[in-house]
Amino acid sequence: MASKKAQLSELQDFHLYNGLETVNVIEGKNKKGDKIIVWIPEKSKKVFVKKAKNGLSKEEAVQKLLQEKNPKKIISVRLGMEKNIPLWEIYYRSENNLINYYYVHFETGEWLKKIENL
């Protein structure tokens, strides 16, 4: 489905994002060599396609977190989607070793939500 809708010629990564719902996230390249990201929520099967250059990189998402927080250790940074909004989820541990999640809008870089001190 992702290859057809996004015209992917090369698959680079795939993972499941389990937020409010499960979303398939596929990263690859199109025939022109542009890096493409595809989000497919399992319930709706609606396909969302964005060029990677039109959104924040993984490093830029981490910088957004570092502007506001001082994580002890970043565990993972991955693409996801909630309420049809593409996002970066940053999972990290704080100085007191508590679990935290920080969500950044993929396109705008705006903070979406935080889950802290679990």
PDB file of N, CA and C in Angstrom:
ATOM      1  N   MET A   1       0.832  -1.198   0.000  1.00  0.00           N
ATOM      2  CA  MET A   1       0.000   0.000   0.000  1.00  0.00           C
ATOM      3  C   MET A   1       0.875   1.258   0.000  1.00  0.00           C
ATOM      4  N   ALA A   2       1.903   1.265   0.855  1.00  0.00           N
ATOM      5  CA  ALA A   2       2.790   2.436   0.927  1.00  0.00           C
ATOM      6  C   ALA A   2       3.552   2.630  -0.371  1.00  0.00           C
ATOM      7  N   SER A   3       4.017   1.542  -0.949  1.00  0.00           N
ATOM      8  CA  SER A   3       4.764   1.642  -2.199  1.00  0.00           C
ATOM      9  C   SER A   3       3.899   2.215  -3.311  1.00  0.00           C
ATOM     10  N   LYS A   4       2.652   1.793  -3.350  1.00  0.00           N
ATOM     11  CA  LYS A   4       1.747   2.247  -4.400  1.00  0.00           C
ATOM     12  C   LYS A   4       1.377   3.720  -4.214  1.00  0.00           C
ATOM     13  N   LYS A   5       0.944   4.100  -3.019  1.00  0.00           N
ATOM     14  CA  LYS A   5       0.489   5.471  -2.771  1.00  0.00           C
ATOM     15  C   LYS A   5       1.624   6.481  -2.777  1.00  0.00           C
ATOM     16  N   ALA A   6       2.777   6.089  -2.243  1.00  0.00           N
ATOM     17  CA  ALA A   6       3.906   7.023  -2.124  1.00  0.00           C
ATOM     18  C   ALA A   6       4.918   6.849  -3.245  1.00  0.00           C
ATOM     19  N   GLN A   7       4.693   5.873  -4.089  1.00  0.00           N
ATOM     20  CA  GLN A   7       5.611   5.567  -5.188  1.00  0.00           C
ATOM     21  C   GLN A   7       7.037   5.354  -4.675  1.00  0.00           C
ATOM     22  N   LEU A   8       7.148   4.531  -3.630  1.00  0.00           N
ATOM     23  CA  LEU A   8       8.460   4.217  -3.071  1.00  0.00           C
ATOM     24  C   LEU A   8       9.203   3.273  -4.000  1.00  0.00           C
ATOM     25  N   SER A   9      10.457   3.576  -4.229  1.00  0.00           N
ATOM     26  CA  SER A   9      11.291   2.679  -5.028  1.00  0.00           C
ATOM     27  C   SER A   9      12.285   1.937  -4.140  1.00  0.00           C
ATOM     28  N   GLU A  10      12.469   2.449  -2.911  1.00  0.00           N
ATOM     29  CA  GLU A  10      13.423   1.835  -1.979  1.00  0.00           C
ATOM     30  C   GLU A  10      12.875   1.934  -0.564  1.00  0.00           C
ATOM     31  N   LEU A  11      12.784   0.810   0.141  1.00  0.00           N
ATOM     32  CA  LEU A  11      12.343   0.774   1.534  1.00  0.00           C
ATOM     33  C   LEU A  11      13.567   0.839   2.430  1.00  0.00           C
ATOM     34  N   GLN A  12      13.572   1.786   3.386  1.00  0.00           N
ATOM     35  CA  GLN A  12      14.722   1.936   4.277  1.00  0.00           C
ATOM     36  C   GLN A  12      14.411   1.528   5.713  1.00  0.00           C
ATOM     37  N   ASP A  13      13.169   1.731   6.164  1.00  0.00           N
ATOM     38  CA  ASP A  13      12.834   1.417   7.554  1.00  0.00           C
ATOM     39  C   ASP A  13      11.335   1.226   7.682  1.00  0.00           C
ATOM     40  N   PHE A  14      10.950   0.386   8.631  1.00  0.00           N
ATOM     41  CA  PHE A  14       9.546   0.172   8.961  1.00  0.00           C
ATOM     42  C   PHE A  14       9.440  -0.063  10.456  1.00  0.00           C
ATOM     43  N   HIS A  15       8.454   0.560  11.093  1.00  0.00           N
ATOM     44  CA  HIS A  15       8.162   0.236  12.485  1.00  0.00           C
ATOM     45  C   HIS A  15       6.691   0.519  12.785  1.00  0.00           C
ATOM     46  N   LEU A  16       6.228  -0.054  13.877  1.00  0.00           N
ATOM     47  CA  LEU A  16       4.874   0.209  14.350  1.00  0.00           C
ATOM     48  C   LEU A  16       4.952   1.242  15.456  1.00  0.00           C
ATOM     49  N   TYR A  17       4.035   2.183  15.431  1.00  0.00           N
ATOM     50  CA  TYR A  17       3.918   3.177  16.497  1.00  0.00           C
ATOM     51  C   TYR A  17       2.632   2.860  17.244  1.00  0.00           C
ATOM     52  N   ASN A  18       2.732   2.647  18.543  1.00  0.00           N
ATOM     53  CA  ASN A  18       1.565   2.341  19.359  1.00  0.00           C
ATOM     54  C   ASN A  18       1.263   3.506  20.277  1.00  0.00           C
ATOM     55  N   GLY A  19       0.449   4.432  19.803  1.00  0.00           N
ATOM     56  CA  GLY A  19       0.019   5.581  20.594  1.00  0.00           C
ATOM     57  C   GLY A  19      -1.460   5.406  20.897  1.00  0.00           C
ATOM     58  N   LEU A  20      -2.263   6.390  20.512  1.00  0.00           N
ATOM     59  CA  LEU A  20      -3.705   6.270  20.673  1.00  0.00           C
ATOM     60  C   LEU A  20      -4.246   5.143  19.807  1.00  0.00           C
ATOM     61  N   GLU A  21      -3.565   4.881  18.696  1.00  0.00           N
ATOM     62  CA  GLU A  21      -3.863   3.737  17.841  1.00  0.00           C
ATOM     63  C   GLU A  21      -2.561   3.272  17.212  1.00  0.00           C
ATOM     64  N   THR A  22      -2.567   2.088  16.645  1.00  0.00           N
ATOM     65  CA  THR A  22      -1.375   1.565  15.999  1.00  0.00           C
ATOM     66  C   THR A  22      -1.236   2.165  14.606  1.00  0.00           C
ATOM     67  N   VAL A  23      -0.023   2.632  14.307  1.00  0.00           N
ATOM     68  CA  VAL A  23       0.261   3.254  13.017  1.00  0.00           C
ATOM     69  C   VAL A  23       1.503   2.589  12.429  1.00  0.00           C
ATOM     70  N   ASN A  24       1.412   2.198  11.151  1.00  0.00           N
ATOM     71  CA  ASN A  24       2.565   1.692  10.416  1.00  0.00           C
ATOM     72  C   ASN A  24       3.340   2.897   9.905  1.00  0.00           C
ATOM     73  N   VAL A  25       4.642   2.925  10.148  1.00  0.00           N
ATOM     74  CA  VAL A  25       5.487   4.027   9.676  1.00  0.00           C
ATOM     75  C   VAL A  25       6.559   3.431   8.767  1.00  0.00           C
ATOM     76  N   ILE A  26       6.583   3.918   7.534  1.00  0.00           N
ATOM     77  CA  ILE A  26       7.508   3.414   6.538  1.00  0.00           C
ATOM     78  C   ILE A  26       8.370   4.576   6.040  1.00  0.00           C
ATOM     79  N   GLU A  27       9.670   4.359   5.977  1.00  0.00           N
ATOM     80  CA  GLU A  27      10.589   5.354   5.435  1.00  0.00           C
ATOM     81  C   GLU A  27      11.286   4.752   4.223  1.00  0.00           C
ATOM     82  N   GLY A  28      11.411   5.558   3.186  1.00  0.00           N
ATOM     83  CA  GLY A  28      12.062   5.069   1.982  1.00  0.00           C
ATOM     84  C   GLY A  28      12.386   6.207   1.047  1.00  0.00           C
ATOM     85  N   LYS A  29      12.657   5.854  -0.194  1.00  0.00           N
ATOM     86  CA  LYS A  29      12.964   6.854  -1.217  1.00  0.00           C
ATOM     87  C   LYS A  29      12.065   6.633  -2.428  1.00  0.00           C
ATOM     88  N   ASN A  30      11.725   7.743  -3.082  1.00  0.00           N
ATOM     89  CA  ASN A  30      10.960   7.632  -4.318  1.00  0.00           C
ATOM     90  C   ASN A  30      11.933   7.511  -5.492  1.00  0.00           C
ATOM     91  N   LYS A  31      11.387   7.429  -6.681  1.00  0.00           N
ATOM     92  CA  LYS A  31      12.216   7.249  -7.877  1.00  0.00           C
ATOM     93  C   LYS A  31      13.182   8.406  -8.113  1.00  0.00           C
ATOM     94  N   LYS A  32      12.835   9.597  -7.609  1.00  0.00           N
ATOM     95  CA  LYS A  32      13.711  10.773  -7.758  1.00  0.00           C
ATOM     96  C   LYS A  32      14.830  10.800  -6.724  1.00  0.00           C
ATOM     97  N   GLY A  33      14.757   9.882  -5.735  1.00  0.00           N
ATOM     98  CA  GLY A  33      15.768   9.842  -4.684  1.00  0.00           C
ATOM     99  C   GLY A  33      15.398  10.645  -3.452  1.00  0.00           C
ATOM    100  N   ASP A  34      14.183  11.235  -3.437  1.00  0.00           N
ATOM    101  CA  ASP A  34      13.732  11.988  -2.269  1.00  0.00           C
ATOM    102  C   ASP A  34      13.368  11.025  -1.140  1.00  0.00           C
ATOM    103  N   LYS A  35      13.773  11.364   0.071  1.00  0.00           N
ATOM    104  CA  LYS A  35      13.396  10.554   1.224  1.00  0.00           C
ATOM    105  C   LYS A  35      11.924  10.830   1.535  1.00  0.00           C
ATOM    106  N   ILE A  36      11.137   9.758   1.657  1.00  0.00           N
ATOM    107  CA  ILE A  36       9.703   9.837   1.867  1.00  0.00           C
ATOM    108  C   ILE A  36       9.343   9.102   3.159  1.00  0.00           C
ATOM    109  N   ILE A  37       8.374   9.651   3.893  1.00  0.00           N
ATOM    110  CA  ILE A  37       7.860   8.998   5.091  1.00  0.00           C
ATOM    111  C   ILE A  37       6.371   8.769   4.875  1.00  0.00           C
ATOM    112  N   VAL A  38       5.923   7.554   5.200  1.00  0.00           N
ATOM    113  CA  VAL A  38       4.524   7.170   5.022  1.00  0.00           C
ATOM    114  C   VAL A  38       3.979   6.689   6.364  1.00  0.00           C
ATOM    115  N   TRP A  39       2.828   7.236   6.748  1.00  0.00           N
ATOM    116  CA  TRP A  39       2.128   6.814   7.961  1.00  0.00           C
ATOM    117  C   TRP A  39       0.812   6.171   7.534  1.00  0.00           C
ATOM    118  N   ILE A  40       0.508   4.980   8.053  1.00  0.00           N
ATOM    119  CA  ILE A  40      -0.755   4.310   7.748  1.00  0.00           C
ATOM    120  C   ILE A  40      -1.375   3.829   9.059  1.00  0.00           C
ATOM    121  N   PRO A  41      -2.375   4.570   9.584  1.00  0.00           N
ATOM    122  CA  PRO A  41      -3.075   4.108  10.779  1.00  0.00           C
ATOM    123  C   PRO A  41      -3.807   2.796  10.475  1.00  0.00           C
ATOM    124  N   GLU A  42      -3.708   1.809  11.375  1.00  0.00           N
ATOM    125  CA  GLU A  42      -4.287   0.498  11.114  1.00  0.00           C
ATOM    126  C   GLU A  42      -5.807   0.520  10.992  1.00  0.00           C
ATOM    127  N   LYS A  43      -6.475   1.369  11.770  1.00  0.00           N
ATOM    128  CA  LYS A  43      -7.944   1.393  11.718  1.00  0.00           C
ATOM    129  C   LYS A  43      -8.469   1.991  10.423  1.00  0.00           C
ATOM    130  N   SER A  44      -7.987   3.164  10.063  1.00  0.00           N
ATOM    131  CA  SER A  44      -8.538   3.865   8.896  1.00  0.00           C
ATOM    132  C   SER A  44      -7.884   3.444   7.585  1.00  0.00           C
ATOM    133  N   LYS A  45      -6.653   2.967   7.657  1.00  0.00           N
ATOM    134  CA  LYS A  45      -5.865   2.618   6.469  1.00  0.00           C
ATOM    135  C   LYS A  45      -5.641   3.814   5.539  1.00  0.00           C
ATOM    136  N   LYS A  46      -5.922   5.030   6.038  1.00  0.00           N
ATOM    137  CA  LYS A  46      -5.651   6.230   5.253  1.00  0.00           C
ATOM    138  C   LYS A  46      -4.141   6.404   5.175  1.00  0.00           C
ATOM    139  N   VAL A  47      -3.647   6.742   4.009  1.00  0.00           N
ATOM    140  CA  VAL A  47      -2.204   6.852   3.801  1.00  0.00           C
ATOM    141  C   VAL A  47      -1.787   8.323   3.833  1.00  0.00           C
ATOM    142  N   PHE A  48      -0.830   8.649   4.719  1.00  0.00           N
ATOM    143  CA  PHE A  48      -0.270   9.999   4.828  1.00  0.00           C
ATOM    144  C   PHE A  48       1.162   9.934   4.303  1.00  0.00           C
ATOM    145  N   VAL A  49       1.478  10.770   3.347  1.00  0.00           N
ATOM    146  CA  VAL A  49       2.807  10.765   2.729  1.00  0.00           C
ATOM    147  C   VAL A  49       3.418  12.153   2.854  1.00  0.00           C
ATOM    148  N   LYS A  50       4.651  12.220   3.348  1.00  0.00           N
ATOM    149  CA  LYS A  50       5.382  13.492   3.468  1.00  0.00           C
ATOM    150  C   LYS A  50       6.815  13.282   3.015  1.00  0.00           C
ATOM    151  N   LYS A  51       7.384  14.304   2.414  1.00  0.00           N
ATOM    152  CA  LYS A  51       8.813  14.288   2.126  1.00  0.00           C
ATOM    153  C   LYS A  51       9.531  14.594   3.435  1.00  0.00           C
ATOM    154  N   ALA A  52      10.584  13.864   3.716  1.00  0.00           N
ATOM    155  CA  ALA A  52      11.333  14.063   4.960  1.00  0.00           C
ATOM    156  C   ALA A  52      11.846  15.492   5.073  1.00  0.00           C
ATOM    157  N   LYS A  53      12.250  16.089   3.957  1.00  0.00           N
ATOM    158  CA  LYS A  53      12.805  17.446   3.992  1.00  0.00           C
ATOM    159  C   LYS A  53      11.753  18.492   4.372  1.00  0.00           C
ATOM    160  N   ASN A  54      10.475  18.142   4.327  1.00  0.00           N
ATOM    161  CA  ASN A  54       9.407  19.076   4.695  1.00  0.00           C
ATOM    162  C   ASN A  54       9.037  19.003   6.171  1.00  0.00           C
ATOM    163  N   GLY A  55       9.802  18.246   6.923  1.00  0.00           N
ATOM    164  CA  GLY A  55       9.556  18.132   8.358  1.00  0.00           C
ATOM    165  C   GLY A  55      10.855  18.145   9.128  1.00  0.00           C
ATOM    166  N   LEU A  56      10.746  17.999  10.431  1.00  0.00           N
ATOM    167  CA  LEU A  56      11.924  17.973  11.292  1.00  0.00           C
ATOM    168  C   LEU A  56      12.675  16.663  11.134  1.00  0.00           C
ATOM    169  N   SER A  57      13.982  16.749  11.186  1.00  0.00           N
ATOM    170  CA  SER A  57      14.799  15.542  11.238  1.00  0.00           C
ATOM    171  C   SER A  57      14.781  15.025  12.676  1.00  0.00           C
ATOM    172  N   LYS A  58      15.283  13.833  12.848  1.00  0.00           N
ATOM    173  CA  LYS A  58      15.393  13.242  14.187  1.00  0.00           C
ATOM    174  C   LYS A  58      16.226  14.160  15.095  1.00  0.00           C
ATOM    175  N   GLU A  59      17.318  14.675  14.556  1.00  0.00           N
ATOM    176  CA  GLU A  59      18.214  15.541  15.333  1.00  0.00           C
ATOM    177  C   GLU A  59      17.525  16.850  15.721  1.00  0.00           C
ATOM    178  N   GLU A  60      16.742  17.407  14.813  1.00  0.00           N
ATOM    179  CA  GLU A  60      16.022  18.648  15.115  1.00  0.00           C
ATOM    180  C   GLU A  60      14.957  18.420  16.186  1.00  0.00           C
ATOM    181  N   ALA A  61      14.308  17.270  16.158  1.00  0.00           N
ATOM    182  CA  ALA A  61      13.314  16.940  17.185  1.00  0.00           C
ATOM    183  C   ALA A  61      13.987  16.848  18.561  1.00  0.00           C
ATOM    184  N   VAL A  62      15.148  16.215  18.606  1.00  0.00           N
ATOM    185  CA  VAL A  62      15.896  16.109  19.864  1.00  0.00           C
ATOM    186  C   VAL A  62      16.296  17.493  20.363  1.00  0.00           C
ATOM    187  N   GLN A  63      16.697  18.388  19.458  1.00  0.00           N
ATOM    188  CA  GLN A  63      17.059  19.752  19.856  1.00  0.00           C
ATOM    189  C   GLN A  63      15.878  20.478  20.500  1.00  0.00           C
ATOM    190  N   LYS A  64      14.658  20.234  20.007  1.00  0.00           N
ATOM    191  CA  LYS A  64      13.454  20.832  20.609  1.00  0.00           C
ATOM    192  C   LYS A  64      13.319  20.383  22.059  1.00  0.00           C
ATOM    193  N   LEU A  65      13.557  19.093  22.302  1.00  0.00           N
ATOM    194  CA  LEU A  65      13.509  18.570  23.671  1.00  0.00           C
ATOM    195  C   LEU A  65      14.584  19.232  24.524  1.00  0.00           C
ATOM    196  N   LEU A  66      15.795  19.318  24.008  1.00  0.00           N
ATOM    197  CA  LEU A  66      16.918  19.854  24.776  1.00  0.00           C
ATOM    198  C   LEU A  66      16.770  21.340  25.089  1.00  0.00           C
ATOM    199  N   GLN A  67      15.970  22.058  24.306  1.00  0.00           N
ATOM    200  CA  GLN A  67      15.706  23.475  24.602  1.00  0.00           C
ATOM    201  C   GLN A  67      14.862  23.630  25.864  1.00  0.00           C
ATOM    202  N   GLU A  68      14.109  22.595  26.187  1.00  0.00           N
ATOM    203  CA  GLU A  68      13.180  22.688  27.310  1.00  0.00           C
ATOM    204  C   GLU A  68      13.537  21.782  28.485  1.00  0.00           C
ATOM    205  N   LYS A  69      14.145  20.646  28.201  1.00  0.00           N
ATOM    206  CA  LYS A  69      14.414  19.638  29.235  1.00  0.00           C
ATOM    207  C   LYS A  69      15.888  19.276  29.264  1.00  0.00           C
ATOM    208  N   ASN A  70      16.286  18.618  30.351  1.00  0.00           N
ATOM    209  CA  ASN A  70      17.653  18.158  30.503  1.00  0.00           C
ATOM    210  C   ASN A  70      17.623  16.652  30.762  1.00  0.00           C
ATOM    211  N   PRO A  71      17.433  15.851  29.707  1.00  0.00           N
ATOM    212  CA  PRO A  71      17.312  14.406  29.916  1.00  0.00           C
ATOM    213  C   PRO A  71      18.631  13.780  30.370  1.00  0.00           C
ATOM    214  N   LYS A  72      18.518  12.785  31.247  1.00  0.00           N
ATOM    215  CA  LYS A  72      19.699  12.035  31.662  1.00  0.00           C
ATOM    216  C   LYS A  72      20.125  11.113  30.524  1.00  0.00           C
ATOM    217  N   LYS A  73      19.129  10.455  29.898  1.00  0.00           N
ATOM    218  CA  LYS A  73      19.425   9.541  28.797  1.00  0.00           C
ATOM    219  C   LYS A  73      18.230   9.483  27.853  1.00  0.00           C
ATOM    220  N   ILE A  74      18.478   9.687  26.566  1.00  0.00           N
ATOM    221  CA  ILE A  74      17.430   9.528  25.560  1.00  0.00           C
ATOM    222  C   ILE A  74      17.427   8.060  25.150  1.00  0.00           C
ATOM    223  N   ILE A  75      16.283   7.404  25.329  1.00  0.00           N
ATOM    224  CA  ILE A  75      16.153   5.974  25.044  1.00  0.00           C
ATOM    225  C   ILE A  75      15.835   5.737  23.573  1.00  0.00           C
ATOM    226  N   SER A  76      14.838   6.476  23.045  1.00  0.00           N
ATOM    227  CA  SER A  76      14.486   6.301  21.637  1.00  0.00           C
ATOM    228  C   SER A  76      13.845   7.566  21.085  1.00  0.00           C
ATOM    229  N   VAL A  77      13.972   7.728  19.773  1.00  0.00           N
ATOM    230  CA  VAL A  77      13.350   8.827  19.041  1.00  0.00           C
ATOM    231  C   VAL A  77      12.755   8.186  17.799  1.00  0.00           C
ATOM    232  N   ARG A  78      11.424   8.278  17.661  1.00  0.00           N
ATOM    233  CA  ARG A  78      10.814   7.634  16.504  1.00  0.00           C
ATOM    234  C   ARG A  78       9.612   8.392  16.004  1.00  0.00           C
ATOM    235  N   LEU A  79       9.327   8.162  14.746  1.00  0.00           N
ATOM    236  CA  LEU A  79       8.169   8.780  14.116  1.00  0.00           C
ATOM    237  C   LEU A  79       6.899   8.053  14.526  1.00  0.00           C
ATOM    238  N   GLY A  80       5.817   8.826  14.632  1.00  0.00           N
ATOM    239  CA  GLY A  80       4.517   8.259  14.950  1.00  0.00           C
ATOM    240  C   GLY A  80       3.430   9.179  14.445  1.00  0.00           C
ATOM    241  N   MET A  81       2.213   8.907  14.867  1.00  0.00           N
ATOM    242  CA  MET A  81       1.081   9.739  14.460  1.00  0.00           C
ATOM    243  C   MET A  81      -0.032   9.574  15.489  1.00  0.00           C
ATOM    244  N   GLU A  82      -0.637  10.704  15.860  1.00  0.00           N
ATOM    245  CA  GLU A  82      -1.818  10.691  16.720  1.00  0.00           C
ATOM    246  C   GLU A  82      -2.805  11.707  16.186  1.00  0.00           C
ATOM    247  N   LYS A  83      -4.054  11.314  16.107  1.00  0.00           N
ATOM    248  CA  LYS A  83      -5.127  12.178  15.594  1.00  0.00           C
ATOM    249  C   LYS A  83      -4.760  12.753  14.224  1.00  0.00           C
ATOM    250  N   ASN A  84      -4.187  11.915  13.379  1.00  0.00           N
ATOM    251  CA  ASN A  84      -3.775  12.280  12.018  1.00  0.00           C
ATOM    252  C   ASN A  84      -2.696  13.360  11.972  1.00  0.00           C
ATOM    253  N   ILE A  85      -1.947  13.520  13.057  1.00  0.00           N
ATOM    254  CA  ILE A  85      -0.839  14.475  13.106  1.00  0.00           C
ATOM    255  C   ILE A  85       0.480  13.702  13.161  1.00  0.00           C
ATOM    256  N   PRO A  86       1.318  13.822  12.118  1.00  0.00           N
ATOM    257  CA  PRO A  86       2.631  13.185  12.153  1.00  0.00           C
ATOM    258  C   PRO A  86       3.494  13.829  13.237  1.00  0.00           C
ATOM    259  N   LEU A  87       4.212  12.990  13.976  1.00  0.00           N
ATOM    260  CA  LEU A  87       4.982  13.504  15.107  1.00  0.00           C
ATOM    261  C   LEU A  87       6.244  12.694  15.337  1.00  0.00           C
ATOM    262  N   TRP A  88       7.099  13.282  16.171  1.00  0.00           N
ATOM    263  CA  TRP A  88       8.255  12.588  16.719  1.00  0.00           C
ATOM    264  C   TRP A  88       7.952  12.290  18.177  1.00  0.00           C
ATOM    265  N   GLU A  89       8.178  11.055  18.597  1.00  0.00           N
ATOM    266  CA  GLU A  89       8.057  10.670  20.000  1.00  0.00           C
ATOM    267  C   GLU A  89       9.462  10.465  20.539  1.00  0.00           C
ATOM    268  N   ILE A  90       9.783  11.193  21.607  1.00  0.00           N
ATOM    269  CA  ILE A  90      11.092  11.058  22.243  1.00  0.00           C
ATOM    270  C   ILE A  90      10.871  10.463  23.630  1.00  0.00           C
ATOM    271  N   TYR A  91      11.448   9.299  23.837  1.00  0.00           N
ATOM    272  CA  TYR A  91      11.332   8.576  25.101  1.00  0.00           C
ATOM    273  C   TYR A  91      12.673   8.730  25.817  1.00  0.00           C
ATOM    274  N   TYR A  92      12.617   9.282  27.037  1.00  0.00           N
ATOM    275  CA  TYR A  92      13.869   9.527  27.743  1.00  0.00           C
ATOM    276  C   TYR A  92      13.696   9.335  29.246  1.00  0.00           C
ATOM    277  N   ARG A  93      14.835   9.251  29.927  1.00  0.00           N
ATOM    278  CA  ARG A  93      14.845   9.168  31.392  1.00  0.00           C
ATOM    279  C   ARG A  93      15.370  10.488  31.937  1.00  0.00           C
ATOM    280  N   SER A  94      14.717  10.948  32.991  1.00  0.00           N
ATOM    281  CA  SER A  94      15.130  12.197  33.635  1.00  0.00           C
ATOM    282  C   SER A  94      16.221  11.909  34.661  1.00  0.00           C
ATOM    283  N   GLU A  95      16.738  12.970  35.266  1.00  0.00           N
ATOM    284  CA  GLU A  95      17.838  12.855  36.226  1.00  0.00           C
ATOM    285  C   GLU A  95      17.496  11.905  37.377  1.00  0.00           C
ATOM    286  N   ASN A  96      16.228  11.887  37.777  1.00  0.00           N
ATOM    287  CA  ASN A  96      15.808  10.995  38.867  1.00  0.00           C
ATOM    288  C   ASN A  96      15.413   9.611  38.352  1.00  0.00           C
ATOM    289  N   ASN A  97      15.801   9.295  37.109  1.00  0.00           N
ATOM    290  CA  ASN A  97      15.614   8.001  36.455  1.00  0.00           C
ATOM    291  C   ASN A  97      14.160   7.658  36.158  1.00  0.00           C
ATOM    292  N   LEU A  98      13.289   8.662  36.115  1.00  0.00           N
ATOM    293  CA  LEU A  98      11.893   8.433  35.772  1.00  0.00           C
ATOM    294  C   LEU A  98      11.721   8.455  34.252  1.00  0.00           C
ATOM    295  N   ILE A  99      10.693   7.757  33.765  1.00  0.00           N
ATOM    296  CA  ILE A  99      10.402   7.667  32.336  1.00  0.00           C
ATOM    297  C   ILE A  99       9.593   8.882  31.888  1.00  0.00           C
ATOM    298  N   ASN A 100       9.943   9.432  30.725  1.00  0.00           N
ATOM    299  CA  ASN A 100       9.268  10.602  30.172  1.00  0.00           C
ATOM    300  C   ASN A 100       9.090  10.438  28.669  1.00  0.00           C
ATOM    301  N   TYR A 101       8.007  11.017  28.148  1.00  0.00           N
ATOM    302  CA  TYR A 101       7.766  11.048  26.708  1.00  0.00           C
ATOM    303  C   TYR A 101       7.510  12.498  26.305  1.00  0.00           C
ATOM    304  N   TYR A 102       8.097  12.892  25.190  1.00  0.00           N
ATOM    305  CA  TYR A 102       7.959  14.253  24.679  1.00  0.00           C
ATOM    306  C   TYR A 102       7.580  14.129  23.208  1.00  0.00           C
ATOM    307  N   TYR A 103       6.518  14.817  22.800  1.00  0.00           N
ATOM    308  CA  TYR A 103       5.984  14.695  21.442  1.00  0.00           C
ATOM    309  C   TYR A 103       6.100  16.027  20.705  1.00  0.00           C
ATOM    310  N   VAL A 104       6.700  15.983  19.492  1.00  0.00           N
ATOM    311  CA  VAL A 104       6.942  17.167  18.684  1.00  0.00           C
ATOM    312  C   VAL A 104       6.274  16.982  17.318  1.00  0.00           C
ATOM    313  N   HIS A 105       5.552  17.999  16.870  1.00  0.00           N
ATOM    314  CA  HIS A 105       4.903  17.969  15.557  1.00  0.00           C
ATOM    315  C   HIS A 105       5.959  17.829  14.470  1.00  0.00           C
ATOM    316  N   PHE A 106       5.798  16.853  13.589  1.00  0.00           N
ATOM    317  CA  PHE A 106       6.788  16.580  12.538  1.00  0.00           C
ATOM    318  C   PHE A 106       7.006  17.776  11.622  1.00  0.00           C
ATOM    319  N   GLU A 107       5.948  18.456  11.224  1.00  0.00           N
ATOM    320  CA  GLU A 107       6.076  19.530  10.238  1.00  0.00           C
ATOM    321  C   GLU A 107       6.416  20.891  10.849  1.00  0.00           C
ATOM    322  N   THR A 108       5.814  21.228  11.972  1.00  0.00           N
ATOM    323  CA  THR A 108       5.985  22.573  12.526  1.00  0.00           C
ATOM    324  C   THR A 108       7.047  22.651  13.618  1.00  0.00           C
ATOM    325  N   GLY A 109       7.364  21.527  14.237  1.00  0.00           N
ATOM    326  CA  GLY A 109       8.306  21.536  15.347  1.00  0.00           C
ATOM    327  C   GLY A 109       7.684  21.967  16.660  1.00  0.00           C
ATOM    328  N   GLU A 110       6.384  22.205  16.659  1.00  0.00           N
ATOM    329  CA  GLU A 110       5.696  22.615  17.883  1.00  0.00           C
ATOM    330  C   GLU A 110       5.576  21.445  18.847  1.00  0.00           C
ATOM    331  N   TRP A 111       5.682  21.760  20.131  1.00  0.00           N
ATOM    332  CA  TRP A 111       5.461  20.769  21.161  1.00  0.00           C
ATOM    333  C   TRP A 111       3.990  20.394  21.141  1.00  0.00           C
ATOM    334  N   LEU A 112       3.693  19.078  21.181  1.00  0.00           N
ATOM    335  CA  LEU A 112       2.312  18.603  21.181  1.00  0.00           C
ATOM    336  C   LEU A 112       1.846  18.180  22.567  1.00  0.00           C
ATOM    337  N   LYS A 113       2.650  17.333  23.225  1.00  0.00           N
ATOM    338  CA  LYS A 113       2.287  16.902  24.587  1.00  0.00           C
ATOM    339  C   LYS A 113       3.487  16.291  25.272  1.00  0.00           C
ATOM    340  N   LYS A 114       3.378  16.176  26.577  1.00  0.00           N
ATOM    341  CA  LYS A 114       4.419  15.546  27.400  1.00  0.00           C
ATOM    342  C   LYS A 114       3.753  14.547  28.336  1.00  0.00           C
ATOM    343  N   ILE A 115       4.414  13.464  28.592  1.00  0.00           N
ATOM    344  CA  ILE A 115       4.027  12.530  29.644  1.00  0.00           C
ATOM    345  C   ILE A 115       5.271  12.410  30.503  1.00  0.00           C
ATOM    346  N   GLU A 116       5.164  12.842  31.762  1.00  0.00           N
ATOM    347  CA  GLU A 116       6.370  12.937  32.575  1.00  0.00           C
ATOM    348  C   GLU A 116       6.291  12.151  33.876  1.00  0.00           C
ATOM    349  N   ASN A 117       7.473  11.771  34.351  1.00  0.00           N
ATOM    350  CA  ASN A 117       7.696  11.195  35.665  1.00  0.00           C
ATOM    351  C   ASN A 117       6.906   9.926  35.936  1.00  0.00           C
ATOM    352  N   LEU A 118       7.035   8.979  35.009  1.00  0.00           N
ATOM    353  CA  LEU A 118       6.382   7.677  35.196  1.00  0.00           C
ATOM    354  C   LEU A 118       7.293   6.744  35.953  1.00  0.00           C
TER     355      LEU A 118
END
